Protein backbone atom coordinates (compact mmCIF):
# COMPACT_ATOMS: atom_id res chain seq x y z
CA MET A 1 114.26 142.90 80.75
CA SER A 2 113.20 142.32 77.21
CA SER A 3 109.55 142.13 78.22
CA THR A 4 109.07 145.87 77.95
CA ILE A 5 105.41 146.83 77.81
CA ALA A 6 103.74 149.52 75.79
CA PRO A 7 100.95 151.88 76.80
CA ALA A 8 97.85 150.29 75.31
CA PRO A 9 94.99 152.29 73.89
CA ALA A 10 91.68 152.10 75.69
CA ARG A 11 89.50 149.30 74.35
CA GLY A 12 85.91 150.24 73.56
CA SER A 13 83.46 148.44 75.78
CA ALA A 14 86.29 146.52 77.39
CA GLY A 15 87.62 149.57 79.10
CA THR A 16 84.83 152.09 79.46
CA GLY A 17 81.50 152.39 81.14
CA PRO A 18 79.92 153.59 84.34
CA GLY A 19 81.84 151.07 86.43
CA GLN A 20 85.26 152.26 85.32
CA ALA A 21 87.68 153.35 88.03
CA PRO A 22 87.66 157.14 88.13
CA SER A 23 90.81 158.89 86.98
CA SER A 24 90.82 160.82 90.25
CA ASP A 25 91.56 157.60 92.21
CA ARG A 26 94.96 158.06 93.85
CA GLY A 27 94.90 155.21 96.37
CA PHE A 28 98.16 153.57 95.22
CA PHE A 29 101.04 156.05 95.50
CA GLY A 30 98.98 158.67 93.71
CA HIS A 31 97.66 156.20 91.14
CA PRO A 32 94.44 154.15 90.80
CA ARG A 33 94.25 151.24 93.23
CA GLY A 34 93.73 148.95 90.26
CA LEU A 35 97.38 149.54 89.41
CA ALA A 36 98.34 147.72 92.62
CA THR A 37 96.32 144.66 91.55
CA LEU A 38 97.97 144.65 88.13
CA PHE A 39 101.44 145.48 89.52
CA PHE A 40 101.52 142.50 91.90
CA THR A 41 99.84 140.10 89.46
CA GLU A 42 102.41 140.92 86.79
CA MET A 43 105.26 140.91 89.31
CA TRP A 44 104.46 137.33 90.35
CA GLU A 45 103.90 136.25 86.75
CA ARG A 46 107.33 137.57 85.77
CA PHE A 47 108.76 135.98 88.94
CA SER A 48 107.53 132.63 87.61
CA TYR A 49 108.56 133.18 83.97
CA TYR A 50 112.07 134.46 84.57
CA GLY A 51 112.52 132.13 87.53
CA LEU A 52 111.84 129.11 85.31
CA ARG A 53 113.59 130.18 82.10
CA PRO A 54 117.29 130.01 83.11
CA LEU A 55 116.78 126.64 84.81
CA LEU A 56 115.46 125.05 81.63
CA VAL A 57 118.67 124.76 79.62
CA LEU A 58 120.70 123.68 82.67
CA PHE A 59 118.14 121.02 83.60
CA MET A 60 117.59 119.61 80.09
CA ALA A 61 121.35 119.50 79.38
CA ALA A 62 122.17 117.92 82.75
CA ALA A 63 123.04 114.21 82.70
CA LEU A 64 120.46 111.65 83.78
CA SER A 65 122.62 110.93 86.83
CA GLU A 66 122.25 114.61 87.81
CA GLY A 67 118.45 114.50 87.51
CA GLY A 68 118.27 116.08 84.05
CA PHE A 69 117.15 114.85 80.64
CA GLY A 70 120.63 114.44 79.18
CA PHE A 71 119.80 116.40 76.00
CA SER A 72 122.63 117.75 73.86
CA ARG A 73 123.29 121.42 74.51
CA ASP A 74 122.23 122.55 71.05
CA GLN A 75 118.89 120.73 71.43
CA ALA A 76 118.29 122.02 74.97
CA SER A 77 119.16 125.58 73.96
CA ALA A 78 116.94 125.41 70.86
CA ILE A 79 114.01 124.22 72.98
CA VAL A 80 114.46 127.25 75.27
CA GLY A 81 114.50 129.47 72.16
CA ILE A 82 111.31 127.91 70.78
CA TYR A 83 109.68 128.32 74.19
CA GLY A 84 110.59 132.02 74.39
CA PHE A 85 109.52 132.57 70.79
CA SER A 86 106.15 130.91 71.43
CA VAL A 87 105.51 132.94 74.59
CA TYR A 88 105.93 136.23 72.72
CA LEU A 89 104.03 135.15 69.65
CA ALA A 90 101.11 133.79 71.72
CA SER A 91 100.39 137.38 72.75
CA LEU A 92 98.94 138.06 69.29
CA PRO A 93 96.08 135.50 69.41
CA GLY A 94 95.81 136.06 73.17
CA GLY A 95 94.93 139.71 72.70
CA TRP A 96 92.46 138.82 69.95
CA VAL A 97 90.71 136.20 72.11
CA ALA A 98 90.34 138.73 74.94
CA ASP A 99 88.98 141.43 72.62
CA ARG A 100 86.51 139.20 70.77
CA LEU A 101 85.49 136.41 73.14
CA LEU A 102 86.49 136.66 76.80
CA GLY A 103 87.12 140.24 77.85
CA LEU A 104 90.39 141.36 79.40
CA GLN A 105 89.75 140.25 82.98
CA ARG A 106 88.57 136.73 82.10
CA ALA A 107 91.53 136.32 79.75
CA ILE A 108 93.96 137.35 82.51
CA PHE A 109 92.34 135.04 85.07
CA LEU A 110 92.25 132.07 82.68
CA GLY A 111 95.84 132.81 81.66
CA ALA A 112 96.97 132.83 85.29
CA CYS A 113 95.22 129.49 85.87
CA LEU A 114 96.92 127.95 82.83
CA ILE A 115 100.35 129.26 83.85
CA THR A 116 99.92 127.96 87.40
CA SER A 117 98.84 124.56 86.05
CA GLY A 118 101.83 124.52 83.72
CA HIS A 119 104.28 125.17 86.54
CA LEU A 120 102.56 122.52 88.64
CA ALA A 121 102.99 119.98 85.81
CA ILE A 122 106.68 120.85 85.45
CA GLY A 123 107.28 120.80 89.19
CA LEU A 124 105.66 117.37 89.60
CA SER A 125 107.26 115.89 86.47
CA GLY A 126 110.25 114.86 88.57
CA LEU A 127 108.09 112.30 90.39
CA ALA A 128 107.63 110.38 87.12
CA GLY A 129 111.35 109.97 86.47
CA PRO A 130 113.46 111.20 83.55
CA GLY A 131 111.60 109.05 81.00
CA ALA A 132 107.89 109.45 81.70
CA GLY A 133 108.60 112.88 83.25
CA LYS A 134 109.14 114.41 79.82
CA ILE A 135 105.41 114.32 79.06
CA PRO A 136 104.22 116.46 82.03
CA PHE A 137 107.34 118.65 81.64
CA PHE A 138 106.61 119.63 78.04
CA LEU A 139 102.88 119.75 78.70
CA GLY A 140 103.69 122.31 81.37
CA LEU A 141 105.66 124.43 78.90
CA VAL A 142 102.71 124.35 76.46
CA LEU A 143 100.29 125.44 79.20
CA ILE A 144 102.59 128.30 80.22
CA VAL A 145 102.81 129.49 76.61
CA LEU A 146 99.01 129.46 76.25
CA GLY A 147 98.50 131.16 79.61
CA THR A 148 101.10 133.85 79.03
CA GLY A 149 99.53 134.62 75.66
CA LEU A 150 96.25 135.35 77.46
CA LEU A 151 97.72 137.23 80.41
CA LYS A 152 100.64 139.28 79.13
CA PRO A 153 99.09 141.59 76.49
CA ASN A 154 95.78 142.02 78.28
CA ILE A 155 97.13 143.01 81.68
CA SER A 156 99.07 145.80 79.92
CA ALA A 157 95.87 146.85 78.16
CA ILE A 158 94.00 147.22 81.47
CA VAL A 159 96.83 149.39 82.82
CA GLY A 160 96.14 151.74 79.92
CA ASP A 161 92.41 151.66 80.63
CA LEU A 162 93.02 152.89 84.18
CA TYR A 163 94.04 156.26 82.69
CA PRO A 164 91.33 157.35 80.22
CA GLU A 165 92.74 160.86 80.38
CA GLY A 166 96.15 159.71 79.08
CA GLY A 167 99.04 162.12 79.60
CA ALA A 168 102.05 162.04 81.90
CA ARG A 169 100.18 160.31 84.74
CA ARG A 170 99.48 157.37 82.42
CA ASP A 171 103.14 157.20 81.39
CA ALA A 172 104.14 157.23 85.06
CA GLY A 173 101.68 154.41 85.75
CA PHE A 174 103.32 152.28 83.08
CA SER A 175 106.73 153.07 84.53
CA ILE A 176 105.59 151.78 87.93
CA PHE A 177 104.11 148.70 86.25
CA TYR A 178 107.41 148.09 84.43
CA MET A 179 109.24 148.22 87.75
CA GLY A 180 106.99 145.37 88.93
CA ILE A 181 108.16 143.31 85.95
CA ASN A 182 111.80 143.80 86.89
CA PHE A 183 111.32 143.25 90.61
CA GLY A 184 109.64 139.94 89.81
CA ALA A 185 112.38 138.94 87.37
CA PHE A 186 115.15 139.93 89.80
CA PHE A 187 113.90 138.01 92.83
CA GLY A 188 112.47 135.12 90.80
CA GLN A 189 115.86 134.16 89.40
CA LEU A 190 117.53 134.45 92.80
CA ILE A 191 115.03 132.22 94.60
CA THR A 192 114.43 129.58 91.94
CA GLY A 193 118.12 129.57 91.06
CA ILE A 194 119.40 128.64 94.49
CA LEU A 195 116.63 126.07 95.01
CA GLY A 196 117.03 124.53 91.55
CA GLU A 197 120.82 124.32 91.61
CA LYS A 198 121.45 123.66 95.31
CA VAL A 199 118.42 121.62 96.43
CA GLY A 200 116.90 120.04 93.33
CA TRP A 201 115.72 121.07 89.88
CA HIS A 202 112.06 120.52 90.67
CA TRP A 203 112.25 122.57 93.86
CA GLY A 204 113.20 125.52 91.68
CA PHE A 205 110.41 124.72 89.22
CA GLY A 206 107.96 124.45 92.10
CA ALA A 207 109.02 127.80 93.57
CA ALA A 208 108.31 129.47 90.22
CA GLY A 209 104.83 127.91 90.25
CA ILE A 210 104.13 129.09 93.79
CA GLY A 211 104.99 132.62 92.66
CA MET A 212 102.42 132.44 89.87
CA PHE A 213 99.86 131.03 92.31
CA PHE A 214 100.36 134.11 94.49
CA GLY A 215 99.74 136.29 91.43
CA LEU A 216 96.56 134.35 90.63
CA VAL A 217 95.27 134.79 94.18
CA VAL A 218 96.06 138.52 94.19
CA PHE A 219 94.13 139.06 90.98
CA TRP A 220 91.21 136.85 92.03
CA LEU A 221 90.73 138.51 95.44
CA THR A 222 91.25 142.17 94.52
CA ARG A 223 90.06 142.71 90.94
CA GLY A 224 86.40 143.23 91.88
CA LYS A 225 87.14 146.11 94.25
CA THR A 226 90.00 147.79 92.42
CA LEU A 227 89.24 147.35 88.72
CA ARG A 228 85.49 148.03 89.07
CA GLY A 229 84.35 146.37 85.89
CA ILE A 230 87.18 147.49 83.59
CA GLY A 231 87.76 144.87 80.91
CA THR A 232 84.94 142.57 82.00
CA GLU A 233 83.29 142.40 78.57
CA PRO A 234 84.73 141.79 75.09
CA THR A 235 84.25 144.29 72.31
CA ARG A 236 80.86 143.62 70.70
CA ASN A 237 79.52 144.47 67.27
CA PRO A 238 76.30 146.53 67.47
CA ASP A 239 74.65 144.15 64.99
CA PRO A 240 73.67 140.95 66.92
CA ALA A 241 73.83 138.82 63.77
CA VAL A 242 77.35 140.01 62.94
CA GLN A 243 78.36 139.53 66.57
CA ALA A 244 77.06 135.94 66.61
CA LYS A 245 78.90 135.13 63.38
CA GLN A 246 82.15 136.61 64.75
CA GLU A 247 81.82 134.54 67.91
CA ARG A 248 81.24 131.33 65.94
CA ILE A 249 84.24 131.95 63.72
CA GLY A 250 86.34 132.92 66.74
CA LYS A 251 85.45 129.80 68.69
CA LEU A 252 86.12 127.59 65.68
CA ALA A 253 89.54 129.22 65.23
CA VAL A 254 90.42 128.85 68.93
CA PHE A 255 89.31 125.22 69.24
CA GLY A 256 90.87 124.38 65.88
CA GLY A 257 94.20 125.85 66.97
CA LEU A 258 94.08 124.09 70.34
CA GLY A 259 93.18 120.84 68.60
CA LEU A 260 96.20 121.14 66.32
CA VAL A 261 98.49 121.79 69.30
CA ALA A 262 97.00 118.80 71.13
CA LEU A 263 97.48 116.56 68.08
CA VAL A 264 101.14 117.49 67.62
CA PHE A 265 101.77 117.03 71.35
CA ALA A 266 100.07 113.62 71.38
CA LEU A 267 102.05 112.43 68.34
CA ALA A 268 105.33 113.60 69.88
CA ALA A 269 104.51 112.09 73.28
CA SER A 270 103.66 108.73 71.70
CA GLY A 271 106.85 108.67 69.67
CA ALA A 272 105.00 108.77 66.36
CA LEU A 273 106.54 112.15 65.60
CA THR A 274 110.22 112.93 66.22
CA ILE A 275 110.99 116.61 66.70
CA ASP A 276 114.45 118.03 66.07
CA ALA A 277 114.42 121.34 67.93
CA GLN A 278 117.20 122.85 65.80
CA VAL A 279 115.40 122.03 62.54
CA VAL A 280 112.06 123.23 63.90
CA GLY A 281 113.61 126.43 65.21
CA ARG A 282 115.30 127.32 61.92
CA SER A 283 112.06 126.63 60.04
CA MET A 284 110.16 128.88 62.44
CA VAL A 285 112.62 131.72 61.82
CA ASN A 286 112.24 131.43 58.03
CA ILE A 287 108.45 131.09 58.11
CA THR A 288 108.02 134.03 60.51
CA LEU A 289 110.28 136.30 58.48
CA ALA A 290 108.42 135.35 55.30
CA MET A 291 105.08 136.15 56.95
CA VAL A 292 106.35 139.53 58.19
CA VAL A 293 107.67 140.45 54.73
CA ALA A 294 104.35 139.40 53.20
CA PHE A 295 102.49 141.54 55.73
CA PHE A 296 104.57 144.63 54.92
CA ALA A 297 104.15 143.99 51.19
CA PHE A 298 100.39 143.81 51.66
CA VAL A 299 100.35 147.04 53.67
CA PHE A 300 102.38 148.84 50.99
CA VAL A 301 100.38 147.53 48.05
CA ALA A 302 96.84 147.21 49.38
CA GLY A 303 96.87 149.14 52.65
CA LYS A 304 95.55 152.36 51.09
CA LEU A 305 98.31 154.42 52.68
CA SER A 306 99.43 157.89 51.74
CA SER A 307 102.97 158.52 50.54
CA ASP A 308 104.03 159.80 53.97
CA GLU A 309 102.47 156.79 55.72
CA LYS A 310 104.34 154.42 53.40
CA LYS A 311 107.61 156.13 54.30
CA ARG A 312 106.91 155.72 58.01
CA VAL A 313 105.96 152.06 57.54
CA GLY A 314 109.25 151.62 55.69
CA VAL A 315 111.05 153.01 58.74
CA ILE A 316 109.20 150.54 60.96
CA PHE A 317 110.39 147.67 58.75
CA VAL A 318 114.00 148.88 58.97
CA LEU A 319 113.82 149.22 62.78
CA PHE A 320 112.22 145.76 62.96
CA LEU A 321 115.20 144.19 61.16
CA PHE A 322 117.75 145.88 63.42
CA ALA A 323 115.72 144.97 66.50
CA ILE A 324 116.02 141.29 65.53
CA VAL A 325 119.82 141.64 65.49
CA PHE A 326 119.76 143.19 68.97
CA TRP A 327 117.37 140.68 70.54
CA GLY A 328 119.17 137.76 68.89
CA ALA A 329 122.23 138.77 70.91
CA PHE A 330 120.45 139.93 74.06
CA GLU A 331 118.39 136.74 74.37
CA GLN A 332 121.48 134.58 74.65
CA ALA A 333 121.25 135.33 78.37
CA PRO A 334 119.30 132.15 79.31
CA THR A 335 121.34 129.97 76.93
CA SER A 336 124.96 130.71 75.98
CA LEU A 337 125.71 133.20 78.77
CA ASN A 338 123.90 131.03 81.31
CA LEU A 339 125.98 128.01 80.27
CA PHE A 340 129.16 130.13 80.40
CA ALA A 341 128.32 131.11 83.97
CA ARG A 342 127.75 127.46 84.84
CA ASP A 343 130.91 125.97 83.30
CA PHE A 344 133.57 128.63 82.92
CA THR A 345 133.00 131.27 85.62
CA ASP A 346 134.60 131.35 89.06
CA ARG A 347 131.48 131.50 91.22
CA ASN A 348 133.16 130.94 94.57
CA LEU A 349 132.59 133.80 97.00
CA GLY A 350 134.03 133.22 100.47
CA GLY A 351 133.32 129.50 100.30
CA PHE A 352 129.82 129.95 98.83
CA GLU A 353 129.26 128.89 95.24
CA ILE A 354 127.03 131.45 93.53
CA PRO A 355 124.30 129.70 91.50
CA ALA A 356 124.84 130.21 87.78
CA THR A 357 121.26 131.42 87.35
CA TRP A 358 121.87 134.33 89.73
CA PHE A 359 123.76 136.10 86.96
CA GLN A 360 120.45 136.33 85.11
CA SER A 361 119.28 138.81 87.75
CA VAL A 362 122.07 141.26 86.92
CA ASN A 363 120.10 142.63 83.96
CA SER A 364 117.01 143.27 86.10
CA PHE A 365 119.12 144.99 88.76
CA PHE A 366 120.67 147.34 86.21
CA VAL A 367 117.27 148.09 84.65
CA ILE A 368 115.83 149.02 88.05
CA ALA A 369 118.86 151.20 88.83
CA LEU A 370 119.32 152.85 85.43
CA ALA A 371 115.82 153.23 83.93
CA PRO A 372 115.10 156.47 85.86
CA VAL A 373 118.55 157.78 84.88
CA PHE A 374 117.91 157.23 81.18
CA ALA A 375 114.41 158.70 81.38
CA ALA A 376 115.91 161.87 82.86
CA LEU A 377 118.77 161.82 80.34
CA TRP A 378 116.44 161.79 77.30
CA VAL A 379 114.40 164.66 78.76
CA SER A 380 117.55 166.67 79.50
CA MET A 381 118.96 166.14 76.00
CA ALA A 382 115.64 167.16 74.43
CA ARG A 383 115.52 170.38 76.46
CA SER A 384 119.04 171.30 75.42
CA GLY A 385 118.36 170.54 71.75
CA ARG A 386 120.74 167.56 71.65
CA GLU A 387 118.21 164.74 71.49
CA LEU A 388 119.18 161.71 69.43
CA SER A 389 116.76 160.46 66.79
CA SER A 390 115.16 157.03 67.19
CA PRO A 391 117.54 155.34 64.72
CA GLY A 392 120.43 157.10 66.45
CA LYS A 393 119.40 155.62 69.81
CA PHE A 394 118.96 152.23 68.12
CA ALA A 395 122.51 152.42 66.76
CA VAL A 396 123.90 153.35 70.18
CA GLY A 397 122.01 150.44 71.74
CA LEU A 398 123.40 147.99 69.17
CA ALA A 399 126.94 149.28 69.65
CA LEU A 400 126.76 149.05 73.45
CA ALA A 401 125.50 145.47 73.23
CA GLY A 402 128.45 144.84 70.91
CA VAL A 403 130.82 146.10 73.61
CA GLY A 404 129.20 143.68 76.05
CA PHE A 405 129.84 140.70 73.77
CA ALA A 406 133.35 141.93 72.95
CA LEU A 407 134.12 141.44 76.66
CA MET A 408 132.91 137.85 76.33
CA ILE A 409 135.37 137.24 73.46
CA VAL A 410 138.23 138.03 75.82
CA ALA A 411 136.78 135.84 78.57
CA ALA A 412 136.13 132.94 76.17
CA ASN A 413 139.66 133.10 74.73
CA ARG A 414 141.11 132.86 78.23
CA VAL A 415 139.12 129.69 78.81
CA VAL A 416 140.21 128.21 75.46
CA ALA A 417 143.88 129.12 76.10
CA SER A 418 143.74 127.08 79.32
CA GLY A 419 142.25 124.08 77.57
CA GLY A 420 138.97 124.59 79.41
CA THR A 421 140.51 124.33 82.89
CA ALA A 422 140.50 128.03 83.80
CA LEU A 423 137.54 129.71 85.48
CA VAL A 424 137.35 133.41 84.65
CA SER A 425 136.26 136.25 86.90
CA PRO A 426 132.49 136.80 87.24
CA TRP A 427 133.10 140.47 86.42
CA TRP A 428 133.33 139.55 82.73
CA LEU A 429 129.69 138.49 82.78
CA VAL A 430 128.61 141.38 84.99
CA GLY A 431 130.33 143.85 82.65
CA SER A 432 128.73 142.21 79.62
CA TYR A 433 125.27 142.40 81.18
CA PHE A 434 125.86 146.05 82.11
CA PHE A 435 126.56 147.10 78.52
CA GLN A 436 123.72 144.95 77.21
CA THR A 437 121.30 146.54 79.69
CA VAL A 438 122.38 150.07 78.76
CA GLY A 439 121.87 149.06 75.14
CA GLU A 440 118.41 147.72 76.00
CA LEU A 441 117.45 151.02 77.65
CA CYS A 442 118.54 152.87 74.50
CA LEU A 443 116.63 150.59 72.15
CA SER A 444 113.62 148.91 73.73
CA PRO A 445 111.56 151.86 75.07
CA VAL A 446 112.49 153.89 71.99
CA GLY A 447 111.30 151.09 69.73
CA LEU A 448 107.94 150.91 71.47
CA SER A 449 107.53 154.67 71.26
CA SER A 450 108.49 154.68 67.57
CA MET A 451 105.88 152.04 66.75
CA THR A 452 103.11 154.21 68.22
CA LYS A 453 104.40 157.40 66.55
CA LEU A 454 105.06 155.97 63.11
CA SER A 455 102.22 153.49 62.66
CA PRO A 456 99.27 154.52 60.49
CA ARG A 457 96.24 154.83 62.76
CA LYS A 458 94.48 151.73 61.43
CA TYR A 459 97.59 149.57 61.82
CA VAL A 460 98.78 150.55 65.32
CA GLY A 461 97.87 147.25 66.97
CA GLN A 462 99.34 145.17 64.17
CA MET A 463 102.57 147.18 64.14
CA MET A 464 102.91 146.62 67.90
CA GLY A 465 102.53 142.93 67.13
CA ILE A 466 105.33 143.25 64.59
CA TRP A 467 107.56 144.83 67.25
CA PHE A 468 106.99 141.93 69.64
CA THR A 469 107.61 139.52 66.77
CA ALA A 470 111.15 140.93 66.65
CA SER A 471 111.55 139.98 70.32
CA ALA A 472 110.11 136.54 69.59
CA LEU A 473 112.60 135.98 66.78
CA GLY A 474 115.40 137.21 69.03
CA ASN A 475 114.48 134.56 71.62
CA LEU A 476 114.47 131.90 68.92
CA ILE A 477 117.80 132.93 67.41
CA GLY A 478 119.39 133.20 70.85
CA GLY A 479 118.27 129.64 71.54
CA LEU A 480 119.49 128.27 68.21
CA VAL A 481 123.06 129.54 68.78
CA GLY A 482 123.19 129.22 72.55
CA GLY A 483 124.30 125.58 72.58
CA HIS A 484 127.70 126.54 71.18
CA VAL A 485 128.99 127.05 74.72
CA ASP A 486 130.13 123.51 75.48
CA PRO A 487 133.19 122.13 77.34
CA GLU A 488 133.43 119.46 74.64
CA LYS A 489 133.60 122.03 71.82
CA LEU A 490 135.66 124.91 73.23
CA ASP A 491 136.55 126.41 69.85
CA GLN A 492 132.88 127.21 69.13
CA MET A 493 132.58 129.56 72.11
CA PRO A 494 134.86 132.46 71.03
CA GLN A 495 133.53 132.01 67.48
CA LEU A 496 129.96 132.54 68.74
CA PHE A 497 130.81 135.64 70.76
CA THR A 498 132.95 137.05 67.93
CA ALA A 499 130.19 136.56 65.36
CA THR A 500 127.64 138.14 67.69
CA THR A 501 129.92 141.13 68.30
CA ILE A 502 130.54 141.62 64.58
CA TYR A 503 126.82 141.46 63.76
CA LEU A 504 126.05 144.07 66.44
CA PHE A 505 128.80 146.50 65.41
CA VAL A 506 128.07 146.14 61.68
CA ALA A 507 124.36 146.68 62.33
CA ALA A 508 125.16 149.77 64.42
CA GLY A 509 127.41 151.15 61.68
CA VAL A 510 124.89 150.54 58.90
CA LEU A 511 122.12 152.14 60.92
CA LEU A 512 124.27 155.20 61.65
CA LEU A 513 124.76 155.63 57.90
CA MET A 514 120.98 155.48 57.48
CA VAL A 515 120.16 157.99 60.23
CA ILE A 516 119.88 161.03 57.98
CA PRO A 517 117.66 159.45 55.28
CA ILE A 518 115.52 157.79 57.96
CA ARG A 519 115.07 161.10 59.78
CA LYS A 520 113.91 162.67 56.53
CA MET A 521 111.37 159.87 56.09
CA MET A 522 110.19 160.42 59.68
CA ALA A 523 110.05 164.21 59.37
CA THR A 524 106.34 164.21 58.64
CA THR A 525 105.68 162.76 62.10
CA SER A 526 108.13 164.58 64.34
CA LYS A 527 111.45 166.31 64.03
CA THR A 528 113.00 163.96 66.57
CA ALA A 529 110.74 160.93 66.39
């Protein structure tokens, strides 16, 4: 999935001390027992997140008579994009709150409580009817965003703190943790999909919430024995006066931000503020890009970097831009490709109609099956002296995703040629997801690794935030264009897939032309970084 995690550096007082789990602990398949706590907590959290996400656009676009909200497809898809964008971006303040105010464990526990409450609100919103039900529904989405921002970055940080010695064992621990993410995503979409589409929307929403509740219980019951104090305290300044001032400022910022969110929500719920999701989404793209450009300009001008460091930061900026192109295509999965599965795919298998959301699990299945293969492939190519550079792998990933969307052009044109009456084979979607997943495995882990290798030491955390901002923008862009798959506007569908394919192939070609100059700029870090 796109929620690839990065090995996090150990965090001062949040991850060290006499109570820390010893690196010799091998109680969980040769790894610290704390990894089991974090594995299952994250597995259930991803079960809930990916279980809910594909249902959202189908539910909001469904007619009132079908139990949905009756939103237009472009509005429903844009809302899903804004939701995904907000989840990723919330990780930035969420990590800061854990570091400065709560500590990692409290942040994770509070995040799990908020996520569970959010799913509960969404699950019960159906009892209020399609009118009044919108308030608890969107309140639930807000709570999930806030909770995920607290849980997601900090649970990854504790995984890193389990391995103070670093090295290959730490990398293996993160690989196991990443498998938990994909197991949760795979089964979450299967279970919530069949309940949501076959029984009732809110049964699917409720199942996602039960999954997160299981994760909350696992963390609550086992953290004391397995984590042994890791991440229980925030990072503190040795000067009590400075520490007190930082806490005051931090609390003011947190409560001010929450107050602003509450105000906007109250105005929208009361009808005093009308929100056009497409307009809001496009504004968020422009504002975020402007902020990122301003950040890089500041780093270049006032960051006190050496000439070599500036070159490497320049490479990060280039990779960031190409990552947005990739994720903007890849994150059409819960919107345009999900709607295509629902309306234009033959899902009948021996008399059983496959839920449209089940196709969302194909990516997770391929990641689980292929991730070890690609890990071995990169090692083998490096040993034989044929390793691709980071921009080379990026270009391959973009091109493979382009192949996946090229398949969808053919499928979409068959639907259009029939006037919208034909249902195409499900293998078109499966093939598209296969190439997209292979592209993801070429690009996503490499991107994370490149951020840690290329970032100047004092900007590592912020550059990781920049990388996840690319994923956030990809979610937003995927949502803004995803509504173009519509039985009432058939001509838009092949146009969308054609434009996506062209963007991916052009980006791959441009990046290939830049490989040699980029490698020269990266040469000061590693010959094959």
